[in-house]
C-alpha cells in the first residue's frame, strides 16, 4: 500500500460523507477523521448517551459501525466518488474489554487492496486510556471503484 496515492484529502472525504451519507451522523454520532494516508486511516467517535447499553457500555453495533465507517472513509480517500458504491461483505469483530463513553479511536490498515475486494484490519482504542477495546477485520466489495 505504500505505493498507492490518495485521491481525496480528509476535508474532501468528510464533505462527501456529510453531504451524501448524512444518516451516519444522526442520533448523536460524531465522527472525526483524524488521519488519512495511503493504506491507513484513524477515525474518532465521541460515543455518548445514545450509544450506550445499560451499565454504561458502548454497544457492540456502535463499535462495528465505527469500523465500517473508518474503512469506508479510507476507501473514499483512495478512490474518491468511485468508492461510493463499495459495500461491506464481511465484518468480524472481537470485543476485548468494556468500551466506556467518550472518544474511541479506530485505526484502520488495508491488508489487501484489490480491484474486486479490499480487506482491512482495525483496532479500536479508548482515547482517554489508550486501552485496546476491540479488533476487527472488514472486507469490502469494490463496486464501481476506479
Protein backbone atom coordinates (compact mmCIF):
# COMPACT_ATOMS: atom_id res chain seq x y z
CA UNK A 1 0.00 0.00 0.00
CA UNK A 2 2.92 2.36 0.34
CA UNK A 3 2.96 2.98 -3.43
CA UNK A 4 -0.72 3.94 -3.59
CA UNK A 5 -1.70 7.59 -3.51
CA UNK A 6 -4.75 9.19 -2.02
CA UNK A 7 -7.11 10.98 -4.38
CA UNK A 8 -9.01 12.85 -1.66
CA UNK A 9 -7.93 14.66 1.48
CA UNK A 10 -9.61 14.47 4.89
CA UNK A 11 -11.79 17.56 4.21
CA UNK A 12 -12.90 16.14 0.85
CA UNK A 13 -13.83 12.77 2.35
CA UNK A 14 -15.59 14.46 5.27
CA UNK A 15 -17.53 16.77 2.95
CA UNK A 16 -18.63 13.85 0.78
CA UNK A 17 -19.76 11.80 3.79
CA UNK A 18 -21.69 14.66 5.38
CA UNK A 19 -23.38 15.52 2.07
CA UNK A 20 -24.06 12.02 0.68
CA UNK A 21 -24.29 9.94 3.86
CA UNK A 22 -25.83 12.29 6.47
CA UNK A 23 -27.56 9.44 8.29
CA UNK A 24 -24.13 8.35 9.55
CA UNK A 25 -24.10 11.50 11.70
CA UNK A 26 -27.61 11.10 13.13
CA UNK A 27 -28.63 10.00 16.63
CA UNK A 28 -25.73 11.68 18.40
CA UNK A 29 -22.96 10.14 16.29
CA UNK A 30 -19.97 12.44 15.91
CA UNK A 31 -17.23 11.04 13.65
CA UNK A 32 -13.92 12.83 13.10
CA UNK A 33 -11.36 11.66 10.54
CA UNK A 34 -8.03 12.35 12.25
CA UNK A 35 -5.60 10.66 9.89
CA UNK A 36 -5.77 9.61 6.26
CA UNK A 37 -2.72 8.29 4.44
CA UNK A 38 -2.13 5.58 1.85
CA UNK A 39 -3.46 2.36 3.30
CA UNK A 40 -4.23 3.84 6.72
CA UNK A 41 -6.85 5.92 8.49
CA UNK A 42 -7.88 6.86 12.00
CA UNK A 43 -11.42 7.89 12.82
CA UNK A 44 -12.58 9.04 16.26
CA UNK A 45 -16.14 8.69 17.52
CA UNK A 46 -17.25 10.60 20.57
CA UNK A 47 -19.60 7.94 21.97
CA UNK A 48 -22.31 9.44 24.12
CA UNK A 49 -25.56 8.53 25.82
CA UNK A 50 -27.24 7.42 22.59
CA UNK A 51 -24.60 4.73 22.00
CA UNK A 52 -24.66 3.18 25.49
CA UNK A 53 -26.19 -0.05 26.71
CA UNK A 54 -27.36 -0.41 30.31
CA UNK A 55 -24.35 -0.34 32.60
CA UNK A 56 -22.60 2.39 30.61
CA UNK A 57 -21.04 0.18 27.94
CA UNK A 58 -20.77 1.42 24.36
CA UNK A 59 -22.84 -1.02 22.32
CA UNK A 60 -21.34 -3.62 20.01
CA UNK A 61 -23.26 -2.30 16.99
CA UNK A 62 -21.75 1.15 17.63
CA UNK A 63 -18.25 -0.33 17.59
CA UNK A 64 -18.99 -2.29 14.40
CA UNK A 65 -20.37 0.85 12.79
CA UNK A 66 -17.19 2.74 13.72
CA UNK A 67 -15.07 0.09 11.95
CA UNK A 68 -17.33 0.13 8.90
CA UNK A 69 -17.30 3.94 8.73
CA UNK A 70 -13.50 4.13 9.07
CA UNK A 71 -12.87 1.57 6.30
CA UNK A 72 -15.37 3.31 4.01
CA UNK A 73 -13.68 6.68 4.66
CA UNK A 74 -10.29 5.18 3.80
CA UNK A 75 -11.61 3.70 0.55
CA UNK A 76 -13.11 7.08 -0.38
CA UNK A 77 -9.69 8.62 0.21
CA UNK A 78 -8.19 6.18 -2.26
CA UNK A 79 -10.91 6.24 -4.92
CA UNK A 80 -12.93 9.45 -4.46
CA UNK A 81 -16.56 9.05 -5.51
CA UNK A 82 -15.58 5.82 -7.27
CA UNK A 83 -15.82 4.05 -3.89
CA UNK A 84 -19.32 5.33 -3.11
CA UNK A 85 -20.95 2.03 -4.14
CA UNK A 86 -18.44 -0.17 -2.30
CA UNK A 87 -20.17 -2.40 0.22
CA UNK A 88 -19.23 -4.42 3.25
CA UNK A 89 -19.22 -8.15 2.50
CA UNK A 90 -17.82 -9.30 5.82
CA UNK A 91 -17.04 -7.89 9.24
CA UNK A 92 -15.62 -9.94 12.09
CA UNK A 93 -15.02 -8.25 15.42
CA UNK A 94 -13.58 -9.39 18.72
CA UNK A 95 -14.66 -7.37 21.75
CA UNK A 96 -11.74 -7.35 24.17
CA UNK A 97 -12.93 -5.14 27.03
CA UNK A 98 -15.72 -2.77 28.02
CA UNK A 99 -15.85 0.42 25.96
CA UNK A 100 -16.67 3.46 28.10
CA UNK A 101 -18.47 6.56 26.84
CA UNK A 102 -16.12 9.15 25.37
CA UNK A 103 -13.72 9.22 22.48
CA UNK A 104 -13.00 5.93 20.73
CA UNK A 105 -10.30 5.81 18.04
CA UNK A 106 -10.47 3.29 15.21
CA UNK A 107 -7.18 2.78 13.40
CA UNK A 108 -7.54 1.01 10.06
CA UNK A 109 -4.91 -0.58 7.83
CA UNK A 110 -5.59 -2.06 4.41
CA UNK A 111 -4.04 -5.50 4.30
CA UNK A 112 -5.32 -6.29 0.80
CA UNK A 113 -6.47 -3.68 -1.67
CA UNK A 114 -7.57 -5.31 -4.88
CA UNK A 115 -9.75 -4.40 -7.83
CA UNK A 116 -12.60 -6.56 -6.52
CA UNK A 117 -12.07 -6.93 -2.76
CA UNK A 118 -10.33 -4.90 -0.10
CA UNK A 119 -9.60 -6.21 3.39
CA UNK A 120 -8.77 -4.00 6.36
CA UNK A 121 -7.63 -4.74 9.90
CA UNK A 122 -8.92 -2.36 12.56
CA UNK A 123 -8.15 -1.62 16.19
CA UNK A 124 -10.49 0.36 18.42
CA UNK A 125 -8.95 2.03 21.47
CA UNK A 126 -10.31 4.18 24.27
CA UNK A 127 -8.63 7.56 23.66
CA UNK A 128 -8.52 8.53 27.35
CA UNK A 129 -6.70 5.38 28.45
CA UNK A 130 -5.14 4.04 25.25
CA UNK A 131 -6.57 0.61 26.08
CA UNK A 132 -7.48 -1.68 23.20
CA UNK A 133 -11.24 -2.23 23.16
CA UNK A 134 -11.78 -4.33 20.04
CA UNK A 135 -10.06 -5.79 16.99
CA UNK A 136 -11.88 -6.25 13.68
CA UNK A 137 -11.40 -7.28 10.10
CA UNK A 138 -13.66 -5.93 7.37
CA UNK A 139 -13.94 -6.95 3.74
CA UNK A 140 -15.39 -4.64 1.11
CA UNK A 141 -16.57 -5.39 -2.39
CA UNK A 142 -15.16 -2.59 -4.54
CA UNK A 143 -18.23 -1.94 -6.71
CA UNK A 144 -17.51 0.80 -9.21
CA UNK A 145 -14.14 1.77 -7.72
CA UNK A 146 -11.60 3.19 -10.15
